[in-house]
C-alpha cells in the first residue's frame, strides 16, 4: 500500500467548509435566541383594600326639548307689548304678550293722528288680545318685538316644558337599562359639570345606522341647570350596579379556570406564594369585588414577565383568565 495521502477534490473541500460554517452559524443563532428570550417572573405586591365598585353603561346623546310647542297668534295683527324673554320659566295660562288685530291696529293708528284723548278712548273701548302660555315650561325662542306685525301662521314664541337627553344605547346594553335608573349627564360644552338624572323613557322601536342597532332612552335631569341648551351633545353614564365599602382587587390579579377564581397570596416566611380560591362579585372592568376568600390587608401578588436577556419586557399575569395554570 502506498503512503501517498488521499487527495480530496478542491470542489468537495469547499462544500465541506461551507457546511461547517452553516452549522456553526445555526448553533450561534440558537444560543443567542435562547438567551434573548429567557423570561423571568417578577411579582408586584398589592394589598387587599376596601373601596367602591361601580358598574356602568355609557352612551352618547343630544339635548332636546321633550315637548316643543310653537305658539301662534289667534289672528293676524301687531304686537303691542312683549312680557317675557328667552330662557324665562312661565306657567300655564300666563300672558306672554299683548297684541292688536289688524282692525284694532288700524283704528289705533287713525286715533293716534287725532290726539292723545282720542287714542286713549279707543284703547279703552277696544281691548288688546292676550297671547297665553299653553303649558308650564320655558321660553326657548322669542320671534317678535313690540310693534312687529305678523300673520296667524307665524310662530311668535317657542316653548318647551323640559329638556331631556336622547341617549343612544346599544342593543347589547339595553337589557341593563330600566325606568327611573340613576344616570349622570356630562355635556361636551361643560366638561366636569356632572348633572344627576334618571332614565325617564325607553323606546320600543330600534334605530339601525351602519348595521349598529340602538334604542333611544330619554334621560331627564333631576334639576335642569341654566347652562343646559337644546342641541348640546351629551355623554350619559347609566348606573347599573354600585357597591361601597367592599373588598376589591385589580382584575389582573385574578385568574379563572372552570368558573373558579383564584389569586396568588404572599405567605410570610415562604419564598413562593400560595394560590387561594376566592368568590367574586361585581366588576367595573378594572377592579372586582371579593365576596369570600380574602381579608382586608392581605397581600396578593400580580405576576409579570420580564425579559432577562436584554430585550423588551412584556407585562402580564399567568393567573389571568384562561392562563392554563391549575388551581390547588
Protein backbone atom coordinates (compact mmCIF):
# COMPACT_ATOMS: atom_id res chain seq x y z
CA UNK A 1 0.00 0.00 0.00
CA UNK A 2 1.35 3.38 -0.91
CA UNK A 3 1.97 6.05 1.78
CA UNK A 4 0.63 8.66 -0.59
CA UNK A 5 -2.08 10.79 1.03
CA UNK A 6 -5.64 10.52 -0.23
CA UNK A 7 -6.41 13.59 -2.26
CA UNK A 8 -9.81 15.31 -1.87
CA UNK A 9 -11.04 17.36 -4.79
CA UNK A 10 -10.98 21.13 -4.18
CA UNK A 11 -14.68 21.49 -5.04
CA UNK A 12 -15.60 18.91 -2.42
CA UNK A 13 -13.46 20.70 0.18
CA UNK A 14 -15.32 23.93 -0.45
CA UNK A 15 -18.68 22.23 0.15
CA UNK A 16 -17.43 20.71 3.40
CA UNK A 17 -16.15 24.08 4.67
CA UNK A 18 -19.42 25.78 3.70
CA UNK A 19 -21.42 23.14 5.53
CA UNK A 20 -19.36 23.57 8.69
CA UNK A 21 -19.85 27.35 8.58
CA UNK A 22 -23.64 26.92 8.27
CA UNK A 23 -23.70 24.50 11.25
CA UNK A 24 -21.66 26.92 13.38
CA UNK A 25 -23.95 29.82 12.44
CA UNK A 26 -27.05 27.80 13.36
CA UNK A 27 -25.56 26.96 16.76
CA UNK A 28 -24.58 30.57 17.44
CA UNK A 29 -28.01 31.96 16.47
CA UNK A 30 -29.81 29.29 18.51
CA UNK A 31 -27.82 30.14 21.64
CA UNK A 32 -28.36 33.87 21.09
CA UNK A 33 -32.10 33.41 20.54
CA UNK A 34 -32.49 31.30 23.67
CA UNK A 35 -30.59 33.85 25.71
CA UNK A 36 -32.62 36.76 24.30
CA UNK A 37 -35.91 35.05 25.06
CA UNK A 38 -35.16 33.81 28.54
CA UNK A 39 -38.06 35.07 30.66
CA UNK A 40 -38.03 35.78 34.36
CA UNK A 41 -41.09 36.32 36.53
CA UNK A 42 -41.40 39.18 38.99
CA UNK A 43 -44.28 39.84 41.36
CA UNK A 44 -45.93 43.11 42.26
CA UNK A 45 -47.35 43.22 45.76
CA UNK A 46 -50.87 44.64 46.14
CA UNK A 47 -52.72 44.99 49.41
CA UNK A 48 -56.38 43.94 49.53
CA UNK A 49 -58.39 47.03 50.42
CA UNK A 50 -61.95 48.27 50.63
CA UNK A 51 -63.43 50.54 48.04
CA UNK A 52 -66.28 51.26 45.66
CA UNK A 53 -67.21 49.21 42.60
CA UNK A 54 -69.41 50.96 40.06
CA UNK A 55 -70.87 49.07 37.09
CA UNK A 56 -71.97 51.44 34.34
CA UNK A 57 -73.26 51.63 30.77
CA UNK A 58 -72.03 54.51 28.64
CA UNK A 59 -73.98 56.23 25.87
CA UNK A 60 -73.96 59.45 23.89
CA UNK A 61 -76.92 61.64 23.06
CA UNK A 62 -78.29 65.08 22.31
CA UNK A 63 -80.18 67.53 24.49
CA UNK A 64 -83.68 68.08 23.14
CA UNK A 65 -86.91 69.62 24.32
CA UNK A 66 -89.26 66.86 25.42
CA UNK A 67 -92.33 68.80 24.23
CA UNK A 68 -91.57 71.65 21.83
CA UNK A 69 -94.52 73.95 21.17
CA UNK A 70 -94.76 76.75 18.64
CA UNK A 71 -97.17 79.45 19.81
CA UNK A 72 -99.09 81.15 17.00
CA UNK A 73 -101.46 84.11 17.46
CA UNK A 74 -105.21 83.56 17.04
CA UNK A 75 -105.43 86.30 14.39
CA UNK A 76 -103.09 88.35 12.26
CA UNK A 77 -102.07 91.67 13.70
CA UNK A 78 -99.38 93.56 15.57
CA UNK A 79 -97.61 93.00 18.88
CA UNK A 80 -98.24 95.85 21.31
CA UNK A 81 -96.17 94.59 24.26
CA UNK A 82 -93.94 91.54 24.91
CA UNK A 83 -93.87 90.46 28.55
CA UNK A 84 -91.34 87.61 28.53
CA UNK A 85 -87.80 86.92 27.34
CA UNK A 86 -85.90 83.84 26.17
CA UNK A 87 -84.97 81.45 28.97
CA UNK A 88 -87.78 82.64 31.21
CA UNK A 89 -89.84 80.00 33.01
CA UNK A 90 -93.57 80.55 32.70
CA UNK A 91 -96.70 78.85 33.96
CA UNK A 92 -99.71 77.64 32.02
CA UNK A 93 -102.16 80.49 31.35
CA UNK A 94 -99.58 83.24 31.90
CA UNK A 95 -99.84 86.17 29.46
CA UNK A 96 -96.79 86.26 27.21
CA UNK A 97 -97.71 89.30 25.11
CA UNK A 98 -100.48 91.70 24.17
CA UNK A 99 -101.46 92.03 20.51
CA UNK A 100 -103.83 94.01 18.34
CA UNK A 101 -105.74 92.51 15.47
CA UNK A 102 -105.24 94.10 12.07
CA UNK A 103 -108.51 96.02 12.52
CA UNK A 104 -107.62 97.31 16.01
CA UNK A 105 -104.15 98.30 14.87
CA UNK A 106 -105.66 100.34 12.03
CA UNK A 107 -108.16 102.03 14.39
CA UNK A 108 -105.45 102.94 16.90
CA UNK A 109 -103.22 104.36 14.20
CA UNK A 110 -106.10 106.54 12.99
CA UNK A 111 -106.99 107.62 16.55
CA UNK A 112 -103.38 108.49 17.28
CA UNK A 113 -103.49 111.01 14.47
CA UNK A 114 -106.48 112.72 16.19
CA UNK A 115 -104.70 113.15 19.50
CA UNK A 116 -103.96 111.51 22.83
CA UNK A 117 -107.52 111.75 24.15
CA UNK A 118 -109.00 110.02 21.12
CA UNK A 119 -106.32 107.33 21.24
CA UNK A 120 -106.98 106.63 24.92
CA UNK A 121 -110.72 106.33 24.23
CA UNK A 122 -110.22 103.68 21.55
CA UNK A 123 -107.64 101.82 23.62
CA UNK A 124 -110.16 101.51 26.47
CA UNK A 125 -113.10 100.62 24.26
CA UNK A 126 -111.23 98.16 22.06
CA UNK A 127 -109.07 95.99 24.37
CA UNK A 128 -105.98 94.17 23.06
CA UNK A 129 -105.83 90.39 22.72
CA UNK A 130 -103.58 88.41 25.09
CA UNK A 131 -101.29 85.56 23.98
CA UNK A 132 -101.25 82.86 26.67
CA UNK A 133 -98.72 80.15 27.59
CA UNK A 134 -100.40 76.80 26.82
CA UNK A 135 -98.20 74.78 29.21
CA UNK A 136 -95.78 75.17 32.08
CA UNK A 137 -92.31 75.49 30.65
CA UNK A 138 -89.52 77.67 29.35
CA UNK A 139 -89.48 80.24 26.55
CA UNK A 140 -86.71 78.94 24.28
CA UNK A 141 -87.36 81.30 21.34
CA UNK A 142 -88.95 84.75 21.01
CA UNK A 143 -89.64 85.72 17.41
CA UNK A 144 -91.38 89.10 17.87
CA UNK A 145 -90.73 92.53 19.31
CA UNK A 146 -93.15 95.29 20.23
CA UNK A 147 -94.60 96.94 17.14
CA UNK A 148 -93.90 93.99 14.85
CA UNK A 149 -96.68 92.72 12.59
CA UNK A 150 -97.34 89.05 11.83
CA UNK A 151 -99.84 86.63 10.35
CA UNK A 152 -101.74 83.92 12.16
CA UNK A 153 -99.38 81.27 10.74
CA UNK A 154 -96.23 82.83 12.19
CA UNK A 155 -94.73 81.41 15.38
CA UNK A 156 -94.30 84.27 17.81
CA UNK A 157 -92.90 82.11 20.66
CA UNK A 158 -91.45 78.61 21.04
CA UNK A 159 -91.75 76.83 24.36
CA UNK A 160 -90.55 73.58 25.86
CA UNK A 161 -91.79 72.03 29.05
CA UNK A 162 -88.47 70.45 29.98
CA UNK A 163 -85.12 69.47 28.46
CA UNK A 164 -84.11 65.84 28.18
CA UNK A 165 -81.19 63.93 26.70
CA UNK A 166 -81.97 61.48 23.92
CA UNK A 167 -79.30 58.85 24.64
CA UNK A 168 -78.46 56.16 22.08
CA UNK A 169 -77.98 52.86 23.93
CA UNK A 170 -76.56 49.87 22.09
CA UNK A 171 -78.88 46.87 21.88
CA UNK A 172 -76.31 44.76 23.76
CA UNK A 173 -76.69 47.08 26.77
CA UNK A 174 -80.39 47.89 26.65
CA UNK A 175 -81.29 44.93 28.89
CA UNK A 176 -79.37 46.63 31.72
CA UNK A 177 -81.41 49.85 31.47
CA UNK A 178 -84.64 50.27 33.41
CA UNK A 179 -87.03 53.13 34.12
CA UNK A 180 -86.02 55.52 36.91
CA UNK A 181 -82.47 54.13 36.79
CA UNK A 182 -79.90 56.62 38.06
CA UNK A 183 -77.66 58.30 35.49
CA UNK A 184 -75.15 61.11 35.20
CA UNK A 185 -75.12 63.58 32.29
CA UNK A 186 -71.99 65.42 31.21
CA UNK A 187 -72.21 67.99 28.42
CA UNK A 188 -69.38 68.39 25.93
CA UNK A 189 -69.77 72.16 26.25
CA UNK A 190 -69.32 72.00 30.05
CA UNK A 191 -66.87 69.18 30.85
CA UNK A 192 -66.63 68.33 34.52
CA UNK A 193 -70.16 69.56 35.26
CA UNK A 194 -72.00 66.39 36.28
CA UNK A 195 -75.79 66.55 36.14
CA UNK A 196 -77.73 63.99 38.19
CA UNK A 197 -80.53 62.41 36.19
CA UNK A 198 -82.65 59.29 35.67
CA UNK A 199 -83.99 57.21 32.79
CA UNK A 200 -87.46 58.53 32.00
CA UNK A 201 -88.48 56.63 28.85
CA UNK A 202 -87.10 53.66 26.90
CA UNK A 203 -88.03 53.49 23.22
CA UNK A 204 -89.87 50.41 21.97
CA UNK A 205 -88.60 50.83 18.43
CA UNK A 206 -84.93 50.49 17.48
CA UNK A 207 -82.83 52.61 15.15
CA UNK A 208 -80.21 50.99 12.90
CA UNK A 209 -77.36 53.03 11.42
CA UNK A 210 -74.37 51.40 9.69
CA UNK A 211 -75.51 47.98 10.96
CA UNK A 212 -75.46 49.23 14.56
CA UNK A 213 -78.77 48.88 16.38
CA UNK A 214 -79.54 51.30 19.18
CA UNK A 215 -82.51 52.29 21.34
CA UNK A 216 -83.29 55.86 22.36
CA UNK A 217 -83.52 56.38 26.11
CA UNK A 218 -84.84 59.69 27.43
CA UNK A 219 -82.66 60.81 30.34
CA UNK A 220 -84.29 63.51 32.44
CA UNK A 221 -82.19 65.79 34.71
CA UNK A 222 -83.32 65.97 38.32
CA UNK A 223 -82.70 69.72 38.17
CA UNK A 224 -82.10 71.32 34.78
CA UNK A 225 -79.14 73.71 35.01
CA UNK A 226 -79.38 77.15 33.43
CA UNK A 227 -76.47 76.45 31.07
CA UNK A 228 -78.15 73.41 29.51
CA UNK A 229 -79.33 74.14 25.96
CA UNK A 230 -81.24 72.24 23.31
CA UNK A 231 -78.92 70.71 20.71
CA UNK A 232 -75.93 70.18 23.02
CA UNK A 233 -74.00 66.91 22.80
CA UNK A 234 -74.04 64.86 25.99
CA UNK A 235 -72.37 61.79 27.45
CA UNK A 236 -74.59 59.70 29.70
CA UNK A 237 -73.40 57.21 32.32
CA UNK A 238 -76.12 54.81 33.50
CA UNK A 239 -75.53 53.34 36.96
CA UNK A 240 -76.20 49.60 36.59
CA UNK A 241 -74.87 48.47 39.97
CA UNK A 242 -72.94 50.05 42.78
CA UNK A 243 -71.34 48.75 45.96
CA UNK A 244 -69.36 50.70 48.52
CA UNK A 245 -67.01 49.62 51.29
CA UNK A 246 -66.36 46.18 49.78
CA UNK A 247 -63.13 44.25 49.36
CA UNK A 248 -61.69 44.75 45.89
CA UNK A 249 -58.69 43.55 43.90
CA UNK A 250 -57.39 44.56 40.46
CA UNK A 251 -58.72 42.37 37.67
CA UNK A 252 -55.20 41.40 36.58
CA UNK A 253 -54.71 39.69 39.95
CA UNK A 254 -57.47 37.18 39.15
CA UNK A 255 -57.31 34.02 37.11
CA UNK A 256 -60.18 31.74 36.27
CA UNK A 257 -60.46 28.13 35.26
CA UNK A 258 -63.63 26.08 35.13
CA UNK A 259 -65.61 29.00 36.61
CA UNK A 260 -63.33 29.12 39.67
CA UNK A 261 -61.36 32.22 40.55
CA UNK A 262 -58.08 32.37 42.41
CA UNK A 263 -55.34 34.82 43.42
CA UNK A 264 -51.70 34.46 44.49
CA UNK A 265 -51.24 35.32 48.18
CA UNK A 266 -47.94 36.22 49.80
CA UNK A 267 -47.17 33.98 52.77
CA UNK A 268 -44.82 35.19 55.49
CA UNK A 269 -41.70 33.04 55.74
CA UNK A 270 -42.19 31.42 52.32
CA UNK A 271 -40.33 32.21 49.14
CA UNK A 272 -43.19 31.08 46.95
CA UNK A 273 -46.77 32.39 47.11
CA UNK A 274 -49.86 30.29 47.71
CA UNK A 275 -52.75 30.18 45.30
CA UNK A 276 -56.08 30.75 47.03
CA UNK A 277 -59.58 30.34 45.63
CA UNK A 278 -61.96 33.31 46.03
CA UNK A 279 -65.59 34.12 45.39
CA UNK A 280 -66.10 37.24 43.31
CA UNK A 281 -68.97 39.72 42.96
CA UNK A 282 -69.47 42.61 40.56
CA UNK A 283 -66.72 44.19 38.48
CA UNK A 284 -66.31 47.56 36.78
CA UNK A 285 -63.75 46.22 34.32
CA UNK A 286 -60.78 47.38 36.39
CA UNK A 287 -61.48 46.14 39.90
CA UNK A 288 -63.56 43.21 41.14
CA UNK A 289 -65.44 42.72 44.40
CA UNK A 290 -64.22 39.84 46.58
CA UNK A 291 -67.09 38.25 48.50
CA UNK A 292 -65.21 35.43 50.17
CA UNK A 293 -61.64 34.10 50.39
CA UNK A 294 -59.60 37.18 51.27
CA UNK A 295 -59.31 39.56 54.20
CA UNK A 296 -58.57 43.27 54.25
CA UNK A 297 -54.84 43.91 54.47
CA UNK A 298 -53.74 40.61 52.91
CA UNK A 299 -51.02 40.96 50.30
CA UNK A 300 -51.66 39.44 46.90
CA UNK A 301 -49.17 39.11 44.07
CA UNK A 302 -49.59 40.02 40.44
CA UNK A 303 -47.07 38.18 38.26
CA UNK A 304 -45.38 40.00 35.41
CA UNK A 305 -43.00 38.55 32.85
CA UNK A 306 -39.80 40.39 32.12
CA UNK A 307 -37.14 39.66 29.52
CA UNK A 308 -33.86 38.79 31.27
CA UNK A 309 -31.89 38.67 28.03
CA UNK A 310 -31.89 42.42 27.47
CA UNK A 311 -34.95 42.58 25.17
CA UNK A 312 -38.13 44.47 25.82
CA UNK A 313 -40.18 43.12 28.72
CA UNK A 314 -43.79 42.05 28.41
CA UNK A 315 -46.06 42.63 31.38
CA UNK A 316 -48.91 40.29 32.17
CA UNK A 317 -50.18 37.71 34.59
CA UNK A 318 -50.11 33.93 34.23
CA UNK A 319 -53.09 33.94 36.57
CA UNK A 320 -55.33 35.87 34.21
CA UNK A 321 -58.42 34.11 32.78
CA UNK A 322 -57.61 31.03 30.69
CA UNK A 323 -53.92 31.15 31.59
CA UNK A 324 -53.88 27.38 31.89
CA UNK A 325 -52.38 27.26 35.41
CA UNK A 326 -54.06 24.79 37.74
CA UNK A 327 -55.78 25.77 40.98
CA UNK A 328 -54.63 23.88 44.01
